[in-house]
Amino acid sequence: MESTVTQVIEQQLTGIDNLLYFTSTSNSNGTATITLSFATGTNQDIAESRCRTRLPWRSPCCPPR
């Protein structure tokens, strides 16, 4: 899971404006969590939009926020 899905998502998210870092966990049951941390003052709506732009295929395979 980690190398086939999580790392691919992490690569797509790298470089988003104001992204300070992210952490991720992948479990043997097929679930993964990626938490992104942005600079203070970052507009949440814009940050979310930029993430969605980087992951246009997200909707069919991932739960809503």
PDB file of N, CA and C in Angstrom:
ATOM      1  N   MET A   1       0.828  -1.193   0.000  1.00  0.00           N
ATOM      2  CA  MET A   1       0.000   0.000   0.000  1.00  0.00           C
ATOM      3  C   MET A   1       0.871   1.255   0.000  1.00  0.00           C
ATOM      4  N   GLU A   2       1.871   1.263   0.862  1.00  0.00           N
ATOM      5  CA  GLU A   2       2.667   2.487   0.988  1.00  0.00           C
ATOM      6  C   GLU A   2       3.375   2.849  -0.307  1.00  0.00           C
ATOM      7  N   SER A   3       4.024   1.883  -0.923  1.00  0.00           N
ATOM      8  CA  SER A   3       4.796   2.213  -2.125  1.00  0.00           C
ATOM      9  C   SER A   3       3.918   2.375  -3.357  1.00  0.00           C
ATOM     10  N   THR A   4       2.768   1.744  -3.383  1.00  0.00           N
ATOM     11  CA  THR A   4       1.937   1.817  -4.585  1.00  0.00           C
ATOM     12  C   THR A   4       0.907   2.936  -4.544  1.00  0.00           C
ATOM     13  N   VAL A   5       0.510   3.369  -3.367  1.00  0.00           N
ATOM     14  CA  VAL A   5      -0.515   4.415  -3.280  1.00  0.00           C
ATOM     15  C   VAL A   5      -0.015   5.631  -2.499  1.00  0.00           C
ATOM     16  N   THR A   6       0.365   5.418  -1.252  1.00  0.00           N
ATOM     17  CA  THR A   6       0.714   6.536  -0.383  1.00  0.00           C
ATOM     18  C   THR A   6       1.876   7.354  -0.926  1.00  0.00           C
ATOM     19  N   GLN A   7       2.927   6.706  -1.365  1.00  0.00           N
ATOM     20  CA  GLN A   7       4.082   7.448  -1.880  1.00  0.00           C
ATOM     21  C   GLN A   7       3.743   8.197  -3.163  1.00  0.00           C
ATOM     22  N   VAL A   8       2.877   7.632  -3.979  1.00  0.00           N
ATOM     23  CA  VAL A   8       2.449   8.317  -5.212  1.00  0.00           C
ATOM     24  C   VAL A   8       1.688   9.592  -4.854  1.00  0.00           C
ATOM     25  N   ILE A   9       0.809   9.506  -3.868  1.00  0.00           N
ATOM     26  CA  ILE A   9       0.058  10.684  -3.432  1.00  0.00           C
ATOM     27  C   ILE A   9       1.009  11.725  -2.841  1.00  0.00           C
ATOM     28  N   GLU A  10       1.943  11.283  -2.009  1.00  0.00           N
ATOM     29  CA  GLU A  10       2.908  12.207  -1.409  1.00  0.00           C
ATOM     30  C   GLU A  10       3.703  12.947  -2.487  1.00  0.00           C
ATOM     31  N   GLN A  11       4.102  12.252  -3.524  1.00  0.00           N
ATOM     32  CA  GLN A  11       4.861  12.890  -4.605  1.00  0.00           C
ATOM     33  C   GLN A  11       4.026  13.959  -5.292  1.00  0.00           C
ATOM     34  N   GLN A  12       2.730  13.705  -5.458  1.00  0.00           N
ATOM     35  CA  GLN A  12       1.853  14.678  -6.102  1.00  0.00           C
ATOM     36  C   GLN A  12       1.635  15.907  -5.228  1.00  0.00           C
ATOM     37  N   LEU A  13       1.658  15.729  -3.921  1.00  0.00           N
ATOM     38  CA  LEU A  13       1.402  16.841  -3.000  1.00  0.00           C
ATOM     39  C   LEU A  13       2.636  17.698  -2.738  1.00  0.00           C
ATOM     40  N   THR A  14       3.809  17.172  -2.952  1.00  0.00           N
ATOM     41  CA  THR A  14       5.042  17.914  -2.708  1.00  0.00           C
ATOM     42  C   THR A  14       5.083  19.175  -3.565  1.00  0.00           C
ATOM     43  N   GLY A  15       5.396  20.287  -2.942  1.00  0.00           N
ATOM     44  CA  GLY A  15       5.530  21.540  -3.679  1.00  0.00           C
ATOM     45  C   GLY A  15       4.307  22.429  -3.669  1.00  0.00           C
ATOM     46  N   ILE A  16       3.244  22.034  -2.974  1.00  0.00           N
ATOM     47  CA  ILE A  16       2.064  22.896  -2.878  1.00  0.00           C
ATOM     48  C   ILE A  16       2.441  24.148  -2.081  1.00  0.00           C
ATOM     49  N   ASP A  17       1.978  25.303  -2.534  1.00  0.00           N
ATOM     50  CA  ASP A  17       2.282  26.571  -1.868  1.00  0.00           C
ATOM     51  C   ASP A  17       1.935  26.508  -0.385  1.00  0.00           C
ATOM     52  N   ASN A  18       2.860  26.984   0.442  1.00  0.00           N
ATOM     53  CA  ASN A  18       2.702  27.095   1.893  1.00  0.00           C
ATOM     54  C   ASN A  18       2.663  25.757   2.636  1.00  0.00           C
ATOM     55  N   LEU A  19       2.886  24.649   1.942  1.00  0.00           N
ATOM     56  CA  LEU A  19       2.943  23.351   2.608  1.00  0.00           C
ATOM     57  C   LEU A  19       4.265  23.247   3.353  1.00  0.00           C
ATOM     58  N   LEU A  20       4.193  23.071   4.664  1.00  0.00           N
ATOM     59  CA  LEU A  20       5.402  22.962   5.474  1.00  0.00           C
ATOM     60  C   LEU A  20       5.904  21.520   5.501  1.00  0.00           C
ATOM     61  N   TYR A  21       5.009  20.598   5.774  1.00  0.00           N
ATOM     62  CA  TYR A  21       5.371  19.178   5.821  1.00  0.00           C
ATOM     63  C   TYR A  21       4.110  18.338   5.818  1.00  0.00           C
ATOM     64  N   PHE A  22       4.278  17.047   5.631  1.00  0.00           N
ATOM     65  CA  PHE A  22       3.165  16.117   5.789  1.00  0.00           C
ATOM     66  C   PHE A  22       3.663  14.855   6.458  1.00  0.00           C
ATOM     67  N   THR A  23       2.729  14.168   7.103  1.00  0.00           N
ATOM     68  CA  THR A  23       3.023  12.875   7.711  1.00  0.00           C
ATOM     69  C   THR A  23       2.038  11.874   7.140  1.00  0.00           C
ATOM     70  N   SER A  24       2.455  10.629   7.078  1.00  0.00           N
ATOM     71  CA  SER A  24       1.553   9.609   6.557  1.00  0.00           C
ATOM     72  C   SER A  24       1.754   8.299   7.294  1.00  0.00           C
ATOM     73  N   THR A  25       0.682   7.548   7.340  1.00  0.00           N
ATOM     74  CA  THR A  25       0.721   6.193   7.880  1.00  0.00           C
ATOM     75  C   THR A  25      -0.061   5.296   6.933  1.00  0.00           C
ATOM     76  N   SER A  26       0.439   4.099   6.746  1.00  0.00           N
ATOM     77  CA  SER A  26      -0.251   3.089   5.950  1.00  0.00           C
ATOM     78  C   SER A  26      -0.399   1.854   6.812  1.00  0.00           C
ATOM     79  N   ASN A  27      -1.565   1.261   6.783  1.00  0.00           N
ATOM     80  CA  ASN A  27      -1.844   0.090   7.605  1.00  0.00           C
ATOM     81  C   ASN A  27      -2.008  -1.155   6.752  1.00  0.00           C
ATOM     82  N   SER A  28      -1.798  -2.287   7.359  1.00  0.00           N
ATOM     83  CA  SER A  28      -1.894  -3.563   6.642  1.00  0.00           C
ATOM     84  C   SER A  28      -3.317  -3.870   6.186  1.00  0.00           C
ATOM     85  N   ASN A  29      -4.314  -3.166   6.736  1.00  0.00           N
ATOM     86  CA  ASN A  29      -5.701  -3.404   6.323  1.00  0.00           C
ATOM     87  C   ASN A  29      -6.084  -2.594   5.082  1.00  0.00           C
ATOM     88  N   GLY A  30      -5.119  -1.886   4.504  1.00  0.00           N
ATOM     89  CA  GLY A  30      -5.365  -1.153   3.264  1.00  0.00           C
ATOM     90  C   GLY A  30      -5.761   0.292   3.435  1.00  0.00           C
ATOM     91  N   THR A  31      -5.688   0.815   4.646  1.00  0.00           N
ATOM     92  CA  THR A  31      -6.010   2.225   4.858  1.00  0.00           C
ATOM     93  C   THR A  31      -4.734   3.045   4.985  1.00  0.00           C
ATOM     94  N   ALA A  32      -4.852   4.305   4.637  1.00  0.00           N
ATOM     95  CA  ALA A  32      -3.729   5.228   4.764  1.00  0.00           C
ATOM     96  C   ALA A  32      -4.270   6.586   5.192  1.00  0.00           C
ATOM     97  N   THR A  33      -3.449   7.310   5.929  1.00  0.00           N
ATOM     98  CA  THR A  33      -3.786   8.662   6.353  1.00  0.00           C
ATOM     99  C   THR A  33      -2.603   9.560   6.030  1.00  0.00           C
ATOM    100  N   ILE A  34      -2.881  10.666   5.359  1.00  0.00           N
ATOM    101  CA  ILE A  34      -1.856  11.659   5.073  1.00  0.00           C
ATOM    102  C   ILE A  34      -2.344  12.981   5.667  1.00  0.00           C
ATOM    103  N   THR A  35      -1.534  13.560   6.532  1.00  0.00           N
ATOM    104  CA  THR A  35      -1.885  14.818   7.176  1.00  0.00           C
ATOM    105  C   THR A  35      -0.930  15.890   6.681  1.00  0.00           C
ATOM    106  N   LEU A  36      -1.491  16.961   6.131  1.00  0.00           N
ATOM    107  CA  LEU A  36      -0.689  18.058   5.597  1.00  0.00           C
ATOM    108  C   LEU A  36      -0.699  19.217   6.579  1.00  0.00           C
ATOM    109  N   SER A  37       0.449  19.852   6.775  1.00  0.00           N
ATOM    110  CA  SER A  37       0.559  21.019   7.643  1.00  0.00           C
ATOM    111  C   SER A  37       1.026  22.209   6.817  1.00  0.00           C
ATOM    112  N   PHE A  38       0.235  23.281   6.894  1.00  0.00           N
ATOM    113  CA  PHE A  38       0.502  24.482   6.118  1.00  0.00           C
ATOM    114  C   PHE A  38       0.950  25.622   7.026  1.00  0.00           C
ATOM    115  N   ALA A  39       1.598  26.602   6.444  1.00  0.00           N
ATOM    116  CA  ALA A  39       2.049  27.780   7.178  1.00  0.00           C
ATOM    117  C   ALA A  39       0.855  28.512   7.780  1.00  0.00           C
ATOM    118  N   THR A  40       1.085  29.113   8.932  1.00  0.00           N
ATOM    119  CA  THR A  40       0.060  29.916   9.586  1.00  0.00           C
ATOM    120  C   THR A  40      -0.420  31.003   8.629  1.00  0.00           C
ATOM    121  N   GLY A  41      -1.719  31.199   8.587  1.00  0.00           N
ATOM    122  CA  GLY A  41      -2.297  32.222   7.726  1.00  0.00           C
ATOM    123  C   GLY A  41      -2.678  31.725   6.348  1.00  0.00           C
ATOM    124  N   THR A  42      -2.378  30.472   6.041  1.00  0.00           N
ATOM    125  CA  THR A  42      -2.744  29.917   4.741  1.00  0.00           C
ATOM    126  C   THR A  42      -4.260  29.786   4.658  1.00  0.00           C
ATOM    127  N   ASN A  43      -4.839  30.244   3.573  1.00  0.00           N
ATOM    128  CA  ASN A  43      -6.270  30.120   3.363  1.00  0.00           C
ATOM    129  C   ASN A  43      -6.605  28.640   3.154  1.00  0.00           C
ATOM    130  N   GLN A  44      -7.448  28.086   4.024  1.00  0.00           N
ATOM    131  CA  GLN A  44      -7.773  26.662   3.972  1.00  0.00           C
ATOM    132  C   GLN A  44      -8.482  26.272   2.672  1.00  0.00           C
ATOM    133  N   ASP A  45      -9.347  27.122   2.191  1.00  0.00           N
ATOM    134  CA  ASP A  45     -10.071  26.816   0.955  1.00  0.00           C
ATOM    135  C   ASP A  45      -9.118  26.735  -0.235  1.00  0.00           C
ATOM    136  N   ILE A  46      -8.173  27.660  -0.293  1.00  0.00           N
ATOM    137  CA  ILE A  46      -7.195  27.649  -1.389  1.00  0.00           C
ATOM    138  C   ILE A  46      -6.284  26.436  -1.269  1.00  0.00           C
ATOM    139  N   ALA A  47      -5.838  26.127  -0.045  1.00  0.00           N
ATOM    140  CA  ALA A  47      -4.979  24.958   0.156  1.00  0.00           C
ATOM    141  C   ALA A  47      -5.707  23.681  -0.266  1.00  0.00           C
ATOM    142  N   GLU A  48      -6.963  23.559   0.115  1.00  0.00           N
ATOM    143  CA  GLU A  48      -7.745  22.376  -0.269  1.00  0.00           C
ATOM    144  C   GLU A  48      -7.893  22.297  -1.784  1.00  0.00           C
ATOM    145  N   SER A  49      -8.166  23.420  -2.410  1.00  0.00           N
ATOM    146  CA  SER A  49      -8.308  23.451  -3.858  1.00  0.00           C
ATOM    147  C   SER A  49      -7.016  23.014  -4.553  1.00  0.00           C
ATOM    148  N   ARG A  50      -5.895  23.481  -4.044  1.00  0.00           N
ATOM    149  CA  ARG A  50      -4.608  23.102  -4.637  1.00  0.00           C
ATOM    150  C   ARG A  50      -4.333  21.613  -4.472  1.00  0.00           C
ATOM    151  N   CYS A  51      -4.723  21.073  -3.329  1.00  0.00           N
ATOM    152  CA  CYS A  51      -4.567  19.620  -3.122  1.00  0.00           C
ATOM    153  C   CYS A  51      -5.440  18.848  -4.102  1.00  0.00           C
ATOM    154  N   ARG A  52      -6.679  19.275  -4.255  1.00  0.00           N
ATOM    155  CA  ARG A  52      -7.587  18.592  -5.186  1.00  0.00           C
ATOM    156  C   ARG A  52      -7.087  18.692  -6.628  1.00  0.00           C
ATOM    157  N   THR A  53      -6.495  19.827  -6.971  1.00  0.00           N
ATOM    158  CA  THR A  53      -5.949  20.001  -8.315  1.00  0.00           C
ATOM    159  C   THR A  53      -4.811  19.026  -8.563  1.00  0.00           C
ATOM    160  N   ARG A  54      -4.007  18.793  -7.544  1.00  0.00           N
ATOM    161  CA  ARG A  54      -2.883  17.861  -7.674  1.00  0.00           C
ATOM    162  C   ARG A  54      -3.346  16.407  -7.737  1.00  0.00           C
ATOM    163  N   LEU A  55      -4.533  16.138  -7.195  1.00  0.00           N
ATOM    164  CA  LEU A  55      -5.054  14.768  -7.130  1.00  0.00           C
ATOM    165  C   LEU A  55      -6.441  14.708  -7.766  1.00  0.00           C
ATOM    166  N   PRO A  56      -6.542  14.926  -9.071  1.00  0.00           N
ATOM    167  CA  PRO A  56      -7.868  14.986  -9.701  1.00  0.00           C
ATOM    168  C   PRO A  56      -8.638  13.670  -9.642  1.00  0.00           C
ATOM    169  N   TRP A  57      -7.944  12.576  -9.452  1.00  0.00           N
ATOM    170  CA  TRP A  57      -8.595  11.269  -9.391  1.00  0.00           C
ATOM    171  C   TRP A  57      -9.001  10.902  -7.979  1.00  0.00           C
ATOM    172  N   ARG A  58      -8.814  11.787  -7.011  1.00  0.00           N
ATOM    173  CA  ARG A  58      -9.079  11.527  -5.604  1.00  0.00           C
ATOM    174  C   ARG A  58     -10.508  11.114  -5.313  1.00  0.00           C
ATOM    175  N   SER A  59     -11.468  11.783  -5.887  1.00  0.00           N
ATOM    176  CA  SER A  59     -12.866  11.585  -5.530  1.00  0.00           C
ATOM    177  C   SER A  59     -13.354  10.138  -5.590  1.00  0.00           C
ATOM    178  N   PRO A  60     -13.065   9.400  -6.651  1.00  0.00           N
ATOM    179  CA  PRO A  60     -13.612   8.043  -6.703  1.00  0.00           C
ATOM    180  C   PRO A  60     -13.006   7.066  -5.696  1.00  0.00           C
ATOM    181  N   CYS A  61     -11.797   7.335  -5.216  1.00  0.00           N
ATOM    182  CA  CYS A  61     -11.141   6.325  -4.385  1.00  0.00           C
ATOM    183  C   CYS A  61     -10.944   6.721  -2.938  1.00  0.00           C
ATOM    184  N   CYS A  62     -11.226   7.966  -2.582  1.00  0.00           N
ATOM    185  CA  CYS A  62     -10.956   8.425  -1.224  1.00  0.00           C
ATOM    186  C   CYS A  62     -12.226   8.987  -0.612  1.00  0.00           C
ATOM    187  N   PRO A  63     -12.341   8.875   0.720  1.00  0.00           N
ATOM    188  CA  PRO A  63     -13.534   9.407   1.377  1.00  0.00           C
ATOM    189  C   PRO A  63     -13.539  10.919   1.387  1.00  0.00           C
ATOM    190  N   PRO A  64     -14.721  11.526   1.512  1.00  0.00           N
ATOM    191  CA  PRO A  64     -14.783  12.985   1.600  1.00  0.00           C
ATOM    192  C   PRO A  64     -14.176  13.446   2.912  1.00  0.00           C
ATOM    193  N   ARG A  65     -13.884  14.730   2.989  1.00  0.00           N
ATOM    194  CA  ARG A  65     -13.265  15.248   4.215  1.00  0.00           C
ATOM    195  C   ARG A  65     -14.230  15.272   5.348  1.00  0.00           C
TER     196      ARG A  65
END
